[in-house]
N, C-alpha and C. Protein backbone atom coordinates (compact mmCIF):
# COMPACT_ATOMS: atom_id res chain seq x y z
N MET A 1 91.98 84.15 125.34
CA MET A 1 91.87 85.44 125.96
C MET A 1 90.42 85.74 126.30
N ARG A 2 89.51 85.26 125.46
CA ARG A 2 88.09 85.47 125.78
C ARG A 2 87.72 84.79 127.09
N LYS A 3 88.32 83.62 127.37
CA LYS A 3 88.03 82.92 128.63
C LYS A 3 88.47 83.75 129.83
N LEU A 4 89.43 84.64 129.63
CA LEU A 4 89.90 85.51 130.70
C LEU A 4 89.15 86.84 130.72
N ASP A 5 88.08 86.91 129.91
CA ASP A 5 87.22 88.09 129.83
C ASP A 5 87.96 89.30 129.26
N LEU A 6 88.89 89.05 128.34
CA LEU A 6 89.57 90.14 127.64
C LEU A 6 88.81 90.42 126.35
N THR A 7 88.71 91.66 125.97
CA THR A 7 88.02 92.03 124.75
C THR A 7 88.91 91.78 123.55
N ILE A 8 88.39 91.06 122.57
CA ILE A 8 89.13 90.71 121.36
C ILE A 8 88.43 91.37 120.17
N THR A 9 89.21 91.92 119.25
CA THR A 9 88.64 92.50 118.04
C THR A 9 89.53 92.19 116.85
N GLU A 10 88.92 92.05 115.71
CA GLU A 10 89.66 91.92 114.45
C GLU A 10 89.80 93.28 113.77
N ASP A 11 89.13 94.28 114.32
CA ASP A 11 89.11 95.63 113.74
C ASP A 11 90.20 96.48 114.39
N PRO A 12 91.26 96.80 113.66
CA PRO A 12 92.37 97.55 114.25
C PRO A 12 91.95 98.93 114.78
N ARG A 13 90.84 99.47 114.30
CA ARG A 13 90.37 100.77 114.80
C ARG A 13 89.88 100.68 116.24
N GLN A 14 89.53 99.47 116.67
CA GLN A 14 89.03 99.27 118.03
C GLN A 14 90.09 98.70 118.97
N ALA A 15 91.23 98.33 118.43
CA ALA A 15 92.26 97.66 119.22
C ALA A 15 93.12 98.65 120.00
N GLY A 16 93.59 98.18 121.15
CA GLY A 16 94.55 98.95 121.93
C GLY A 16 95.95 98.38 121.80
N TYR A 17 96.00 97.07 121.56
CA TYR A 17 97.28 96.35 121.43
C TYR A 17 97.14 95.25 120.39
N GLU A 18 98.26 94.77 119.92
CA GLU A 18 98.30 93.64 118.99
C GLU A 18 99.15 92.54 119.63
N VAL A 19 98.62 91.32 119.61
CA VAL A 19 99.36 90.16 120.11
C VAL A 19 99.78 89.33 118.91
N VAL A 20 101.08 89.07 118.81
CA VAL A 20 101.64 88.30 117.71
C VAL A 20 102.37 87.11 118.30
N GLY A 21 102.20 85.95 117.69
CA GLY A 21 102.90 84.77 118.18
C GLY A 21 103.44 83.95 117.04
N TRP A 22 104.53 83.23 117.30
CA TRP A 22 105.07 82.30 116.31
C TRP A 22 105.68 81.10 117.01
N VAL A 23 105.74 80.01 116.27
CA VAL A 23 106.20 78.73 116.80
C VAL A 23 107.38 78.24 115.97
N THR A 24 108.40 77.73 116.65
CA THR A 24 109.50 77.05 115.96
C THR A 24 109.69 75.70 116.64
N ALA A 25 110.11 74.73 115.86
CA ALA A 25 110.37 73.40 116.39
C ALA A 25 111.72 72.92 115.88
N GLY A 26 112.52 72.40 116.80
CA GLY A 26 113.84 71.89 116.45
C GLY A 26 113.75 70.52 115.80
N PRO A 27 114.86 69.99 115.39
CA PRO A 27 114.88 68.67 114.75
C PRO A 27 114.56 67.57 115.76
N PRO A 28 113.94 66.49 115.29
CA PRO A 28 113.65 65.36 116.18
C PRO A 28 114.95 64.72 116.69
N VAL A 29 114.96 64.41 117.99
CA VAL A 29 116.08 63.71 118.62
C VAL A 29 115.49 62.70 119.60
N ASN A 30 115.75 61.43 119.34
CA ASN A 30 115.24 60.37 120.22
C ASN A 30 113.73 60.46 120.45
N GLY A 31 112.98 60.76 119.39
CA GLY A 31 111.53 60.79 119.47
C GLY A 31 110.92 62.05 120.06
N ARG A 32 111.75 63.06 120.34
CA ARG A 32 111.26 64.33 120.90
C ARG A 32 111.86 65.47 120.09
N GLN A 33 111.26 66.63 120.20
CA GLN A 33 111.84 67.83 119.60
C GLN A 33 111.50 69.03 120.47
N GLN A 34 112.40 69.99 120.45
CA GLN A 34 112.23 71.19 121.25
C GLN A 34 111.28 72.13 120.52
N ALA A 35 110.24 72.58 121.19
CA ALA A 35 109.29 73.53 120.62
C ALA A 35 109.41 74.84 121.38
N ARG A 36 109.28 75.94 120.66
CA ARG A 36 109.38 77.27 121.27
C ARG A 36 108.27 78.14 120.70
N VAL A 37 107.51 78.76 121.60
CA VAL A 37 106.46 79.69 121.21
C VAL A 37 106.83 81.05 121.77
N VAL A 38 106.83 82.05 120.92
CA VAL A 38 107.14 83.42 121.33
C VAL A 38 105.89 84.27 121.12
N TRP A 39 105.47 84.97 122.15
CA TRP A 39 104.35 85.89 122.10
C TRP A 39 104.88 87.30 122.33
N VAL A 40 104.45 88.24 121.51
CA VAL A 40 104.85 89.64 121.68
C VAL A 40 103.58 90.50 121.69
N VAL A 41 103.51 91.41 122.66
CA VAL A 41 102.41 92.37 122.73
C VAL A 41 102.98 93.72 122.29
N ASN A 42 102.35 94.29 121.26
CA ASN A 42 102.80 95.56 120.69
C ASN A 42 101.71 96.61 120.81
N THR A 43 102.14 97.87 120.87
CA THR A 43 101.20 98.97 120.69
C THR A 43 100.89 99.04 119.20
N LEU A 44 99.87 99.77 118.85
CA LEU A 44 99.47 99.83 117.44
C LEU A 44 100.49 100.55 116.57
N ASP A 45 101.37 101.34 117.17
CA ASP A 45 102.42 101.99 116.38
C ASP A 45 103.69 101.15 116.32
N GLY A 46 103.62 99.90 116.83
CA GLY A 46 104.75 98.98 116.69
C GLY A 46 105.68 98.89 117.89
N GLY A 47 105.42 99.65 118.93
CA GLY A 47 106.26 99.58 120.12
C GLY A 47 105.98 98.31 120.91
N GLU A 48 107.02 97.63 121.33
CA GLU A 48 106.86 96.39 122.09
C GLU A 48 106.54 96.70 123.55
N VAL A 49 105.45 96.10 124.04
CA VAL A 49 105.02 96.29 125.42
C VAL A 49 105.54 95.15 126.29
N GLY A 50 105.53 93.94 125.74
CA GLY A 50 105.98 92.79 126.50
C GLY A 50 106.17 91.58 125.61
N LYS A 51 106.87 90.59 126.17
CA LYS A 51 107.16 89.37 125.42
C LYS A 51 107.14 88.19 126.39
N ALA A 52 106.59 87.07 125.93
CA ALA A 52 106.60 85.84 126.71
C ALA A 52 107.11 84.72 125.82
N ILE A 53 107.93 83.84 126.40
CA ILE A 53 108.48 82.71 125.65
C ILE A 53 108.12 81.44 126.40
N GLN A 54 107.58 80.48 125.66
CA GLN A 54 107.27 79.16 126.20
C GLN A 54 108.14 78.16 125.45
N GLU A 55 108.79 77.26 126.18
CA GLU A 55 109.63 76.23 125.57
C GLU A 55 109.38 74.90 126.27
N ASN A 56 109.39 73.84 125.46
CA ASN A 56 109.21 72.51 126.03
C ASN A 56 109.61 71.47 124.98
N ALA A 57 110.01 70.30 125.45
CA ALA A 57 110.25 69.17 124.55
C ALA A 57 108.91 68.48 124.34
N VAL A 58 108.58 68.22 123.08
CA VAL A 58 107.32 67.57 122.73
C VAL A 58 107.61 66.31 121.92
N ILE A 59 106.60 65.48 121.79
CA ILE A 59 106.74 64.28 120.97
C ILE A 59 107.03 64.71 119.53
N ALA A 60 108.06 64.14 118.94
CA ALA A 60 108.45 64.49 117.57
C ALA A 60 107.27 64.35 116.63
N GLY A 61 107.02 65.37 115.83
CA GLY A 61 105.95 65.35 114.85
C GLY A 61 104.60 65.78 115.39
N SER A 62 104.48 66.00 116.70
CA SER A 62 103.18 66.35 117.27
C SER A 62 102.69 67.74 116.84
N LEU A 63 103.57 68.56 116.33
CA LEU A 63 103.17 69.88 115.84
C LEU A 63 103.04 69.93 114.32
N ASP A 64 103.22 68.81 113.66
CA ASP A 64 103.06 68.74 112.21
C ASP A 64 101.57 68.75 111.88
N GLY A 65 101.19 69.46 110.83
CA GLY A 65 99.79 69.46 110.42
C GLY A 65 98.92 70.25 111.39
N GLU A 66 97.68 69.80 111.53
CA GLU A 66 96.70 70.47 112.38
C GLU A 66 97.03 70.27 113.85
N TRP A 67 97.20 71.35 114.58
CA TRP A 67 97.47 71.23 116.01
C TRP A 67 96.71 72.28 116.83
N ARG A 68 95.50 72.58 116.35
CA ARG A 68 94.67 73.56 117.05
C ARG A 68 94.44 73.20 118.52
N PRO A 69 94.15 71.93 118.88
CA PRO A 69 93.96 71.64 120.30
C PRO A 69 95.18 72.01 121.15
N VAL A 70 96.37 71.75 120.63
CA VAL A 70 97.60 72.12 121.34
C VAL A 70 97.71 73.64 121.38
N GLY A 71 97.41 74.30 120.29
CA GLY A 71 97.47 75.75 120.22
C GLY A 71 96.54 76.42 121.22
N ASP A 72 95.36 75.85 121.38
CA ASP A 72 94.41 76.40 122.36
C ASP A 72 94.99 76.33 123.77
N ILE A 73 95.60 75.20 124.11
CA ILE A 73 96.19 75.02 125.46
C ILE A 73 97.36 75.98 125.65
N VAL A 74 98.24 76.05 124.66
CA VAL A 74 99.43 76.90 124.75
C VAL A 74 99.02 78.37 124.90
N SER A 75 98.06 78.82 124.12
CA SER A 75 97.66 80.22 124.19
C SER A 75 96.93 80.53 125.50
N GLU A 76 96.15 79.58 126.01
CA GLU A 76 95.47 79.79 127.28
C GLU A 76 96.47 79.94 128.43
N VAL A 77 97.49 79.10 128.44
CA VAL A 77 98.52 79.18 129.48
C VAL A 77 99.29 80.50 129.36
N ALA A 78 99.59 80.90 128.14
CA ALA A 78 100.34 82.15 127.94
C ALA A 78 99.54 83.36 128.40
N ALA A 79 98.25 83.36 128.13
CA ALA A 79 97.40 84.50 128.52
C ALA A 79 97.34 84.63 130.02
């Protein structure tokens, strides 16, 4: 989001919205597995402003352990 010149804060007193994301991965099938990333933008009182869903088949196990480089790409595309 910073690359898009959006202001980011860890201080909820300065925030206008909260972005929450989570990842799920299906079972491996033939060396691939279905990955799903859900992003939700909420107001600070919990009201949902918007939602984006990204889904793709990935190499089985590629999301196990450290996957920050993949996370950076996924979040940049979502933003």
